[in-house]
Amino acid sequence: MNSNTYTNNWWVLAFNGIIALLFGLMAIFAPLDTLHIIITYFGIIMMIVGIAMLFGVYSSMKNKLSYGSDLISALITIGLGIVLAFFTGKALEIFVIVIGIWAIMLGIGQLIIMSSLQGKGDKKFLLFTGLFTLVFGALLFFNPFTMASIVLLIVGAMAVIIGLVLISFAFKLKNLQE
């Protein structure tokens, strides 16, 4: 690829930047609505993938190949998609609580590893990360929607920055073209 390819397609970067910017603004100004939209969308995608997997199962049945595990995977994928698409709030709450439990266990594990280390520098780092992960997990566990919104606000701010950078870079490429 030569540099003309990049300068001729500056609009692709600008378009991606606009999408990132719009997502970031949605995440910042309507975090709970954005979470629900993302989860519903993901559920719909899972249902479509599950249905596509059923076509593969049908093909395997038709060709007299084994299909049991594929059928189970397809049905589980469709089921999870339905739960995510139609019971979004409850699915989000359960997901964030599971992440909270995982973070608590990870934090405890880091503190256990820290207590068995001999070096002083490693202990300080593991103490900090272990306590941070433990507190983060507890906050997720006891207040899932607020923490999910905070994480989405951070992601939204990053998306706005990335969107602005992409748009700026796209117009610099366009100016190189002229």
C-alpha atoms as a PDB file:
ATOM      1  CA  MET A   1       0.000   0.000   0.000  1.00  0.00           C
ATOM      2  CA  ASN A   2       1.290   3.393  -0.857  1.00  0.00           C
ATOM      3  CA  SER A   3       0.597   6.646   0.921  1.00  0.00           C
ATOM      4  CA  ASN A   4      -2.035   7.597  -1.674  1.00  0.00           C
ATOM      5  CA  THR A   5      -4.213   4.750  -0.440  1.00  0.00           C
ATOM      6  CA  TYR A   6      -4.273   6.301   3.018  1.00  0.00           C
ATOM      7  CA  THR A   7      -4.815   9.851   1.869  1.00  0.00           C
ATOM      8  CA  ASN A   8      -7.548   8.835  -0.580  1.00  0.00           C
ATOM      9  CA  ASN A   9      -9.421   7.005   2.183  1.00  0.00           C
ATOM     10  CA  TRP A  10      -9.207   9.721   4.822  1.00  0.00           C
ATOM     11  CA  TRP A  11     -12.992   9.639   5.107  1.00  0.00           C
ATOM     12  CA  VAL A  12     -12.868   6.102   6.580  1.00  0.00           C
ATOM     13  CA  LEU A  13     -10.903   7.417   9.565  1.00  0.00           C
ATOM     14  CA  ALA A  14     -13.252  10.379   9.870  1.00  0.00           C
ATOM     15  CA  PHE A  15     -16.290   8.078   9.801  1.00  0.00           C
ATOM     16  CA  ASN A  16     -14.791   5.814  12.472  1.00  0.00           C
ATOM     17  CA  GLY A  17     -13.947   8.888  14.523  1.00  0.00           C
ATOM     18  CA  ILE A  18     -17.533  10.138  14.289  1.00  0.00           C
ATOM     19  CA  ILE A  19     -18.864   6.736  15.393  1.00  0.00           C
ATOM     20  CA  ALA A  20     -16.441   6.655  18.346  1.00  0.00           C
ATOM     21  CA  LEU A  21     -17.373  10.229  19.247  1.00  0.00           C
ATOM     22  CA  LEU A  22     -21.113   9.499  19.131  1.00  0.00           C
ATOM     23  CA  PHE A  23     -20.691   6.335  21.202  1.00  0.00           C
ATOM     24  CA  GLY A  24     -18.575   8.219  23.730  1.00  0.00           C
ATOM     25  CA  LEU A  25     -21.127  11.003  24.059  1.00  0.00           C
ATOM     26  CA  MET A  26     -23.940   8.458  24.482  1.00  0.00           C
ATOM     27  CA  ALA A  27     -21.928   6.626  27.134  1.00  0.00           C
ATOM     28  CA  ILE A  28     -21.197   9.841  29.015  1.00  0.00           C
ATOM     29  CA  PHE A  29     -24.635  11.434  28.887  1.00  0.00           C
ATOM     30  CA  ALA A  30     -26.853   8.317  29.028  1.00  0.00           C
ATOM     31  CA  PRO A  31     -24.759   5.488  30.523  1.00  0.00           C
ATOM     32  CA  LEU A  32     -27.593   3.209  31.671  1.00  0.00           C
ATOM     33  CA  ASP A  33     -29.471   3.543  28.385  1.00  0.00           C
ATOM     34  CA  THR A  34     -26.242   2.879  26.496  1.00  0.00           C
ATOM     35  CA  LEU A  35     -25.590  -0.246  28.585  1.00  0.00           C
ATOM     36  CA  HIS A  36     -29.075  -1.538  27.859  1.00  0.00           C
ATOM     37  CA  ILE A  37     -28.676  -0.871  24.124  1.00  0.00           C
ATOM     38  CA  ILE A  38     -25.309  -2.639  24.007  1.00  0.00           C
ATOM     39  CA  ILE A  39     -26.599  -5.672  25.892  1.00  0.00           C
ATOM     40  CA  THR A  40     -29.789  -5.883  23.823  1.00  0.00           C
ATOM     41  CA  TYR A  41     -27.763  -5.604  20.614  1.00  0.00           C
ATOM     42  CA  PHE A  42     -25.360  -8.311  21.836  1.00  0.00           C
ATOM     43  CA  GLY A  43     -28.329 -10.549  22.671  1.00  0.00           C
ATOM     44  CA  ILE A  44     -29.770 -10.109  19.184  1.00  0.00           C
ATOM     45  CA  ILE A  45     -26.384 -10.935  17.645  1.00  0.00           C
ATOM     46  CA  MET A  46     -26.177 -14.070  19.820  1.00  0.00           C
ATOM     47  CA  MET A  47     -29.635 -15.180  18.658  1.00  0.00           C
ATOM     48  CA  ILE A  48     -28.621 -14.690  15.010  1.00  0.00           C
ATOM     49  CA  VAL A  49     -25.394 -16.637  15.564  1.00  0.00           C
ATOM     50  CA  GLY A  50     -27.333 -19.417  17.309  1.00  0.00           C
ATOM     51  CA  ILE A  51     -29.771 -19.665  14.420  1.00  0.00           C
ATOM     52  CA  ALA A  52     -26.849 -19.785  11.968  1.00  0.00           C
ATOM     53  CA  MET A  53     -25.367 -22.575  14.081  1.00  0.00           C
ATOM     54  CA  LEU A  54     -28.657 -24.481  13.710  1.00  0.00           C
ATOM     55  CA  PHE A  55     -28.169 -24.409   9.932  1.00  0.00           C
ATOM     56  CA  GLY A  56     -24.784 -26.058  10.524  1.00  0.00           C
ATOM     57  CA  VAL A  57     -26.471 -28.662  12.728  1.00  0.00           C
ATOM     58  CA  TYR A  58     -29.022 -29.327   9.985  1.00  0.00           C
ATOM     59  CA  SER A  59     -26.226 -29.745   7.459  1.00  0.00           C
ATOM     60  CA  SER A  60     -24.431 -32.190   9.779  1.00  0.00           C
ATOM     61  CA  MET A  61     -27.652 -34.178  10.272  1.00  0.00           C
ATOM     62  CA  LYS A  62     -28.232 -34.270   6.527  1.00  0.00           C
ATOM     63  CA  ASN A  63     -24.684 -35.547   5.924  1.00  0.00           C
ATOM     64  CA  LYS A  64     -24.997 -38.079   8.762  1.00  0.00           C
ATOM     65  CA  LEU A  65     -22.241 -36.429  10.825  1.00  0.00           C
ATOM     66  CA  SER A  66     -22.221 -36.039  14.592  1.00  0.00           C
ATOM     67  CA  TYR A  67     -24.141 -32.963  15.634  1.00  0.00           C
ATOM     68  CA  GLY A  68     -24.989 -33.328  19.336  1.00  0.00           C
ATOM     69  CA  SER A  69     -22.496 -30.854  20.757  1.00  0.00           C
ATOM     70  CA  ASP A  70     -23.207 -28.371  17.950  1.00  0.00           C
ATOM     71  CA  LEU A  71     -26.938 -28.600  18.672  1.00  0.00           C
ATOM     72  CA  ILE A  72     -26.385 -28.012  22.380  1.00  0.00           C
ATOM     73  CA  SER A  73     -24.085 -25.046  21.641  1.00  0.00           C
ATOM     74  CA  ALA A  74     -26.629 -23.543  19.237  1.00  0.00           C
ATOM     75  CA  LEU A  75     -29.495 -23.876  21.720  1.00  0.00           C
ATOM     76  CA  ILE A  76     -27.429 -22.411  24.576  1.00  0.00           C
ATOM     77  CA  THR A  77     -26.351 -19.506  22.352  1.00  0.00           C
ATOM     78  CA  ILE A  78     -29.955 -18.803  21.336  1.00  0.00           C
ATOM     79  CA  GLY A  79     -31.090 -19.082  24.962  1.00  0.00           C
ATOM     80  CA  LEU A  80     -28.433 -16.677  26.210  1.00  0.00           C
ATOM     81  CA  GLY A  81     -29.291 -14.301  23.371  1.00  0.00           C
ATOM     82  CA  ILE A  82     -32.963 -14.336  24.378  1.00  0.00           C
ATOM     83  CA  VAL A  83     -32.071 -13.658  28.016  1.00  0.00           C
ATOM     84  CA  LEU A  84     -29.772 -10.776  27.064  1.00  0.00           C
ATOM     85  CA  ALA A  85     -32.171  -9.254  24.532  1.00  0.00           C
ATOM     86  CA  PHE A  86     -35.401  -9.511  26.524  1.00  0.00           C
ATOM     87  CA  PHE A  87     -34.239  -9.483  30.172  1.00  0.00           C
ATOM     88  CA  THR A  88     -31.487  -6.923  29.770  1.00  0.00           C
ATOM     89  CA  GLY A  89     -31.623  -5.338  33.225  1.00  0.00           C
ATOM     90  CA  LYS A  90     -31.480  -8.617  35.116  1.00  0.00           C
ATOM     91  CA  ALA A  91     -28.789 -10.002  32.785  1.00  0.00           C
ATOM     92  CA  LEU A  92     -26.664  -6.888  33.363  1.00  0.00           C
ATOM     93  CA  GLU A  93     -27.087  -7.125  37.110  1.00  0.00           C
ATOM     94  CA  ILE A  94     -26.102 -10.807  37.178  1.00  0.00           C
ATOM     95  CA  PHE A  95     -23.132 -10.207  34.858  1.00  0.00           C
ATOM     96  CA  VAL A  96     -21.775  -7.330  36.935  1.00  0.00           C
ATOM     97  CA  ILE A  97     -22.258  -9.294  40.175  1.00  0.00           C
ATOM     98  CA  VAL A  98     -20.350 -12.245  38.683  1.00  0.00           C
ATOM     99  CA  ILE A  99     -17.543  -9.864  37.661  1.00  0.00           C
ATOM    100  CA  GLY A 100     -17.611  -8.465  41.223  1.00  0.00           C
ATOM    101  CA  ILE A 101     -17.259 -11.947  42.733  1.00  0.00           C
ATOM    102  CA  TRP A 102     -14.429 -12.717  40.311  1.00  0.00           C
ATOM    103  CA  ALA A 103     -12.638  -9.466  41.241  1.00  0.00           C
ATOM    104  CA  ILE A 104     -13.023 -10.209  44.965  1.00  0.00           C
ATOM    105  CA  MET A 105     -11.534 -13.683  44.484  1.00  0.00           C
ATOM    106  CA  LEU A 106      -8.725 -12.235  42.349  1.00  0.00           C
ATOM    107  CA  GLY A 107      -7.956  -9.599  44.997  1.00  0.00           C
ATOM    108  CA  ILE A 108      -7.853 -12.219  47.748  1.00  0.00           C
ATOM    109  CA  GLY A 109      -5.568 -14.350  45.573  1.00  0.00           C
ATOM    110  CA  GLN A 110      -3.217 -11.407  45.020  1.00  0.00           C
ATOM    111  CA  LEU A 111      -3.076 -10.750  48.769  1.00  0.00           C
ATOM    112  CA  ILE A 112      -2.328 -14.429  49.455  1.00  0.00           C
ATOM    113  CA  ILE A 113       0.486 -14.377  46.876  1.00  0.00           C
ATOM    114  CA  MET A 114       1.775 -11.133  48.392  1.00  0.00           C
ATOM    115  CA  SER A 115       1.982 -12.674  51.847  1.00  0.00           C
ATOM    116  CA  SER A 116       4.160 -15.517  50.539  1.00  0.00           C
ATOM    117  CA  LEU A 117       6.675 -13.301  48.679  1.00  0.00           C
ATOM    118  CA  GLN A 118      10.062 -12.407  50.107  1.00  0.00           C
ATOM    119  CA  GLY A 119      10.915  -9.230  48.138  1.00  0.00           C
ATOM    120  CA  LYS A 120       9.702  -5.918  49.554  1.00  0.00           C
ATOM    121  CA  GLY A 121       9.006  -4.162  46.186  1.00  0.00           C
ATOM    122  CA  ASP A 122       6.855  -6.982  44.874  1.00  0.00           C
ATOM    123  CA  LYS A 123       4.841  -6.995  48.100  1.00  0.00           C
ATOM    124  CA  LYS A 124       3.955  -3.307  47.821  1.00  0.00           C
ATOM    125  CA  PHE A 125       2.746  -3.695  44.241  1.00  0.00           C
ATOM    126  CA  LEU A 126       0.671  -6.792  45.030  1.00  0.00           C
ATOM    127  CA  LEU A 127      -0.719  -5.175  48.171  1.00  0.00           C
ATOM    128  CA  PHE A 128      -1.870  -2.158  46.148  1.00  0.00           C
ATOM    129  CA  THR A 129      -3.330  -4.166  43.266  1.00  0.00           C
ATOM    130  CA  GLY A 130      -4.871  -6.756  45.594  1.00  0.00           C
ATOM    131  CA  LEU A 131      -6.615  -4.133  47.721  1.00  0.00           C
ATOM    132  CA  PHE A 132      -7.701  -2.143  44.658  1.00  0.00           C
ATOM    133  CA  THR A 133      -9.145  -5.259  42.991  1.00  0.00           C
ATOM    134  CA  LEU A 134     -10.842  -6.308  46.235  1.00  0.00           C
ATOM    135  CA  VAL A 135     -12.477  -2.889  46.700  1.00  0.00           C
ATOM    136  CA  PHE A 136     -13.484  -2.750  43.019  1.00  0.00           C
ATOM    137  CA  GLY A 137     -15.046  -6.216  43.288  1.00  0.00           C
ATOM    138  CA  ALA A 138     -16.937  -5.315  46.448  1.00  0.00           C
ATOM    139  CA  LEU A 139     -18.292  -2.148  44.835  1.00  0.00           C
ATOM    140  CA  LEU A 140     -19.378  -4.129  41.758  1.00  0.00           C
ATOM    141  CA  PHE A 141     -20.990  -6.780  43.943  1.00  0.00           C
ATOM    142  CA  PHE A 142     -22.927  -4.420  46.204  1.00  0.00           C
ATOM    143  CA  ASN A 143     -23.750  -1.687  43.682  1.00  0.00           C
ATOM    144  CA  PRO A 144     -23.676  -3.222  40.195  1.00  0.00           C
ATOM    145  CA  PHE A 145     -25.536  -0.581  38.151  1.00  0.00           C
ATOM    146  CA  THR A 146     -23.651   2.395  39.542  1.00  0.00           C
ATOM    147  CA  MET A 147     -20.278   0.738  39.005  1.00  0.00           C
ATOM    148  CA  ALA A 148     -21.223  -0.410  35.502  1.00  0.00           C
ATOM    149  CA  SER A 149     -22.230   3.185  34.740  1.00  0.00           C
ATOM    150  CA  ILE A 150     -18.913   4.495  36.078  1.00  0.00           C
ATOM    151  CA  VAL A 151     -16.949   2.020  33.958  1.00  0.00           C
ATOM    152  CA  LEU A 152     -19.030   3.031  30.944  1.00  0.00           C
ATOM    153  CA  LEU A 153     -18.343   6.728  31.669  1.00  0.00           C
ATOM    154  CA  ILE A 154     -14.599   5.980  31.581  1.00  0.00           C
ATOM    155  CA  VAL A 155     -14.989   4.034  28.331  1.00  0.00           C
ATOM    156  CA  GLY A 156     -17.097   6.887  26.955  1.00  0.00           C
ATOM    157  CA  ALA A 157     -14.437   9.470  27.784  1.00  0.00           C
ATOM    158  CA  MET A 158     -11.817   7.300  26.076  1.00  0.00           C
ATOM    159  CA  ALA A 159     -14.086   6.905  23.023  1.00  0.00           C
ATOM    160  CA  VAL A 160     -14.546  10.687  22.776  1.00  0.00           C
ATOM    161  CA  ILE A 161     -10.774  11.211  22.888  1.00  0.00           C
ATOM    162  CA  ILE A 162     -10.139   8.471  20.314  1.00  0.00           C
ATOM    163  CA  GLY A 163     -12.922   9.840  18.103  1.00  0.00           C
ATOM    164  CA  LEU A 164     -11.448  13.345  18.170  1.00  0.00           C
ATOM    165  CA  VAL A 165      -7.965  12.010  17.426  1.00  0.00           C
ATOM    166  CA  LEU A 166      -9.262   9.964  14.471  1.00  0.00           C
ATOM    167  CA  ILE A 167     -11.191  12.901  13.042  1.00  0.00           C
ATOM    168  CA  SER A 168      -8.178  15.188  13.435  1.00  0.00           C
ATOM    169  CA  PHE A 169      -5.883  12.640  11.811  1.00  0.00           C
ATOM    170  CA  ALA A 170      -8.361  12.086   8.969  1.00  0.00           C
ATOM    171  CA  PHE A 171      -8.394  15.775   8.092  1.00  0.00           C
ATOM    172  CA  LYS A 172      -4.598  15.922   8.257  1.00  0.00           C
ATOM    173  CA  LEU A 173      -4.524  13.066   5.747  1.00  0.00           C
ATOM    174  CA  LYS A 174      -7.055  14.891   3.565  1.00  0.00           C
ATOM    175  CA  ASN A 175      -4.837  17.997   3.594  1.00  0.00           C
ATOM    176  CA  LEU A 176      -1.873  15.867   2.492  1.00  0.00           C
ATOM    177  CA  GLN A 177      -3.905  14.789  -0.499  1.00  0.00           C
ATOM    178  CA  GLU A 178      -4.322  18.363  -1.744  1.00  0.00           C
END
